[in-house]
Amino acid sequence: MGRIVAPYGLKGWVRIDPYSADPGSLSTYPSWWVGRNGDWREMKVAQSALQHGSSLVARLEGCSERNAALALKGSDVAVERESLPQNENDEFYWADLVGLKVVNLKGEELGVLAGLFENGAHAVMRVVDGEAERLLPFVDQVVQQVELAEGRIRVEWELDW
């Protein structure tokens, strides 16, 4: 859902860059899972507020001074899957897409979706095939169909592009 990028102030607050299109959505959850490298712990949110429209600041219980906040820098922020809202049609959580095969309309496999990221204009898929890597825009003109049950994403993209 986001990443803690820095301490904020002197009283244990942290600044989070949310991965969501709605930065404030993370503040609606009463507790977060905070961690890195597979080491996660649940932390209750004592207070949170939007800052500058795109990032969130929060104070977590048990984090009451700057050094404690600094220790959380670089940690990922997550919530339990069951607490996430249900997707509408043609909406997907990125985590559900990672690992799917990416196939063009000719049936040629381009690789496996290794991750997604935002570039400011739209989401970008990082498709890996062995040592090769392709960056494809995750936009309607390229992504023709997401077939979760079949484990594939159909795209309008050629092997030599």
Protein backbone atom coordinates (compact mmCIF):
# COMPACT_ATOMS: atom_id res chain seq x y z
CA MET A 1 0.00 0.00 0.00
CA GLY A 2 2.98 2.31 0.48
CA ARG A 3 6.50 2.86 1.76
CA ILE A 4 7.80 4.83 4.72
CA VAL A 5 10.26 7.28 3.19
CA ALA A 6 11.36 9.45 6.12
CA PRO A 7 10.70 10.55 9.68
CA TYR A 8 8.48 13.61 9.97
CA GLY A 9 9.20 15.97 12.82
CA LEU A 10 10.55 15.02 16.22
CA LYS A 11 7.66 13.12 17.84
CA GLY A 12 7.78 9.80 15.95
CA TRP A 13 5.72 10.70 12.89
CA VAL A 14 6.66 9.13 9.55
CA ARG A 15 6.05 10.21 5.94
CA ILE A 16 4.58 7.56 3.66
CA ASP A 17 4.46 7.55 -0.12
CA PRO A 18 1.26 5.60 -0.84
CA TYR A 19 1.07 3.33 -3.90
CA SER A 20 -2.66 3.98 -4.22
CA ALA A 21 -4.20 6.47 -6.63
CA ASP A 22 -5.97 7.87 -3.56
CA PRO A 23 -3.25 8.73 -1.03
CA GLY A 24 -5.80 9.19 1.76
CA SER A 25 -7.19 5.66 1.45
CA LEU A 26 -4.38 4.22 3.58
CA SER A 27 -5.43 6.43 6.49
CA THR A 28 -8.82 4.66 6.70
CA TYR A 29 -7.25 1.49 8.12
CA PRO A 30 -6.83 1.37 11.93
CA SER A 31 -3.67 -0.74 11.75
CA TRP A 32 -0.97 -1.47 9.21
CA TRP A 33 1.55 -4.22 8.66
CA VAL A 34 4.98 -2.58 8.54
CA GLY A 35 8.13 -4.37 7.50
CA ARG A 36 10.80 -5.30 5.00
CA ASN A 37 12.52 -8.46 3.80
CA GLY A 38 9.68 -10.65 5.06
CA ASP A 39 9.88 -9.33 8.63
CA TRP A 40 6.42 -7.82 9.29
CA ARG A 41 4.71 -6.53 12.42
CA GLU A 42 1.28 -5.08 12.94
CA MET A 43 1.22 -1.48 14.15
CA LYS A 44 -1.83 0.54 15.16
CA VAL A 45 -2.23 3.96 13.60
CA ALA A 46 -2.48 6.60 16.34
CA GLN A 47 -2.93 9.58 13.98
CA SER A 48 -2.63 10.30 10.27
CA ALA A 49 -3.04 13.23 7.90
CA LEU A 50 -2.59 14.01 4.22
CA GLN A 51 0.38 16.20 3.42
CA HIS A 52 0.89 18.13 0.18
CA GLY A 53 -1.81 16.07 -1.53
CA SER A 54 0.35 13.09 -2.51
CA SER A 55 1.93 11.78 0.67
CA LEU A 56 0.65 10.81 4.07
CA VAL A 57 2.10 11.46 7.51
CA ALA A 58 1.25 9.21 10.41
CA ARG A 59 2.16 8.43 13.98
CA LEU A 60 2.16 4.74 14.85
CA GLU A 61 1.64 3.45 18.38
CA GLY A 62 4.98 2.59 19.97
CA CYS A 63 6.81 5.11 17.80
CA SER A 64 7.07 8.27 19.88
CA GLU A 65 10.38 9.86 18.92
CA ARG A 66 12.43 10.63 15.80
CA ASN A 67 14.93 7.75 16.17
CA ALA A 68 12.09 5.21 16.30
CA ALA A 69 10.61 6.79 13.16
CA LEU A 70 14.01 6.74 11.47
CA ALA A 71 14.28 2.99 12.16
CA LEU A 72 11.11 2.49 10.07
CA LYS A 73 12.50 4.34 7.04
CA GLY A 74 12.39 2.11 3.95
CA SER A 75 9.73 -0.19 5.40
CA ASP A 76 6.77 -1.22 3.31
CA VAL A 77 3.25 -0.57 4.58
CA ALA A 78 0.52 -3.14 3.92
CA VAL A 79 -2.95 -4.04 5.09
CA GLU A 80 -4.61 -7.43 5.31
CA ARG A 81 -6.04 -8.58 1.99
CA GLU A 82 -9.47 -9.24 3.53
CA SER A 83 -9.80 -5.60 4.55
CA LEU A 84 -9.33 -4.26 1.01
CA PRO A 85 -12.42 -3.18 -0.93
CA GLN A 86 -13.86 -5.52 -3.55
CA ASN A 87 -12.70 -4.75 -7.10
CA GLU A 88 -15.08 -3.51 -9.75
CA ASN A 89 -15.07 -5.09 -13.22
CA ASP A 90 -11.81 -4.39 -15.05
CA GLU A 91 -10.08 -3.33 -11.81
CA PHE A 92 -7.16 -5.29 -10.43
CA TYR A 93 -4.81 -5.18 -7.51
CA TRP A 94 -1.27 -5.06 -8.83
CA ALA A 95 -0.27 -7.92 -6.54
CA ASP A 96 -2.74 -10.15 -8.41
CA LEU A 97 -1.09 -9.37 -11.74
CA VAL A 98 2.53 -10.03 -10.79
CA GLY A 99 3.59 -13.44 -12.10
CA LEU A 100 1.07 -13.58 -14.96
CA LYS A 101 2.29 -14.44 -18.46
CA VAL A 102 2.17 -11.55 -20.91
CA VAL A 103 1.09 -12.70 -24.37
CA ASN A 104 0.52 -10.66 -27.52
CA LEU A 105 -2.53 -11.02 -29.76
CA LYS A 106 -0.63 -13.49 -32.00
CA GLY A 107 -0.19 -15.78 -28.99
CA GLU A 108 3.54 -15.05 -28.67
CA GLU A 109 4.76 -14.96 -25.08
CA LEU A 110 6.60 -11.75 -24.18
CA GLY A 111 7.52 -12.87 -20.68
CA VAL A 112 6.20 -12.74 -17.15
CA LEU A 113 4.96 -9.63 -15.36
CA ALA A 114 7.63 -8.96 -12.74
CA GLY A 115 6.14 -5.74 -11.38
CA LEU A 116 4.33 -2.49 -12.03
CA PHE A 117 5.19 1.10 -11.26
CA GLU A 118 3.77 4.57 -11.88
CA ASN A 119 5.69 6.91 -14.18
CA GLY A 120 3.53 9.97 -13.57
CA ALA A 121 1.34 9.56 -16.64
CA HIS A 122 0.23 5.94 -16.20
CA ALA A 123 1.22 2.58 -14.79
CA VAL A 124 4.03 0.65 -16.49
CA MET A 125 4.42 -3.13 -16.59
CA ARG A 126 7.90 -4.61 -16.20
CA VAL A 127 7.87 -7.79 -18.28
CA VAL A 128 10.83 -10.15 -17.90
CA ASP A 129 11.84 -12.98 -20.23
CA GLY A 130 15.08 -14.49 -19.03
CA GLU A 131 17.68 -11.71 -19.26
CA ALA A 132 15.44 -9.51 -21.43
CA GLU A 133 13.17 -6.88 -19.93
CA ARG A 134 10.40 -4.88 -21.59
CA LEU A 135 8.52 -1.90 -20.20
CA LEU A 136 4.94 -1.78 -21.48
CA PRO A 137 2.40 0.91 -20.62
CA PHE A 138 -0.56 -0.42 -18.63
CA VAL A 139 -3.14 1.47 -20.70
CA ASP A 140 -6.24 0.39 -22.62
CA GLN A 141 -4.51 0.74 -25.99
CA VAL A 142 -1.93 -1.89 -24.99
CA VAL A 143 -3.64 -4.13 -22.42
CA GLN A 144 -6.45 -5.85 -24.29
CA GLN A 145 -7.52 -8.39 -21.68
CA VAL A 146 -6.53 -9.54 -18.21
CA GLU A 147 -7.36 -13.21 -17.72
CA LEU A 148 -6.65 -13.92 -14.06
CA ALA A 149 -8.08 -17.45 -14.12
CA GLU A 150 -5.89 -18.35 -17.11
CA GLY A 151 -2.85 -16.61 -15.62
CA ARG A 152 -2.27 -14.27 -18.54
CA ILE A 153 -2.46 -10.72 -19.81
CA ARG A 154 -3.16 -10.20 -23.53
CA VAL A 155 -1.47 -7.15 -25.02
CA GLU A 156 -1.23 -5.32 -28.33
CA TRP A 157 2.57 -5.49 -28.55
CA GLU A 158 5.03 -7.14 -30.93
CA LEU A 159 8.10 -9.18 -30.01
CA ASP A 160 10.42 -6.78 -31.84
CA TRP A 161 9.09 -3.57 -30.31
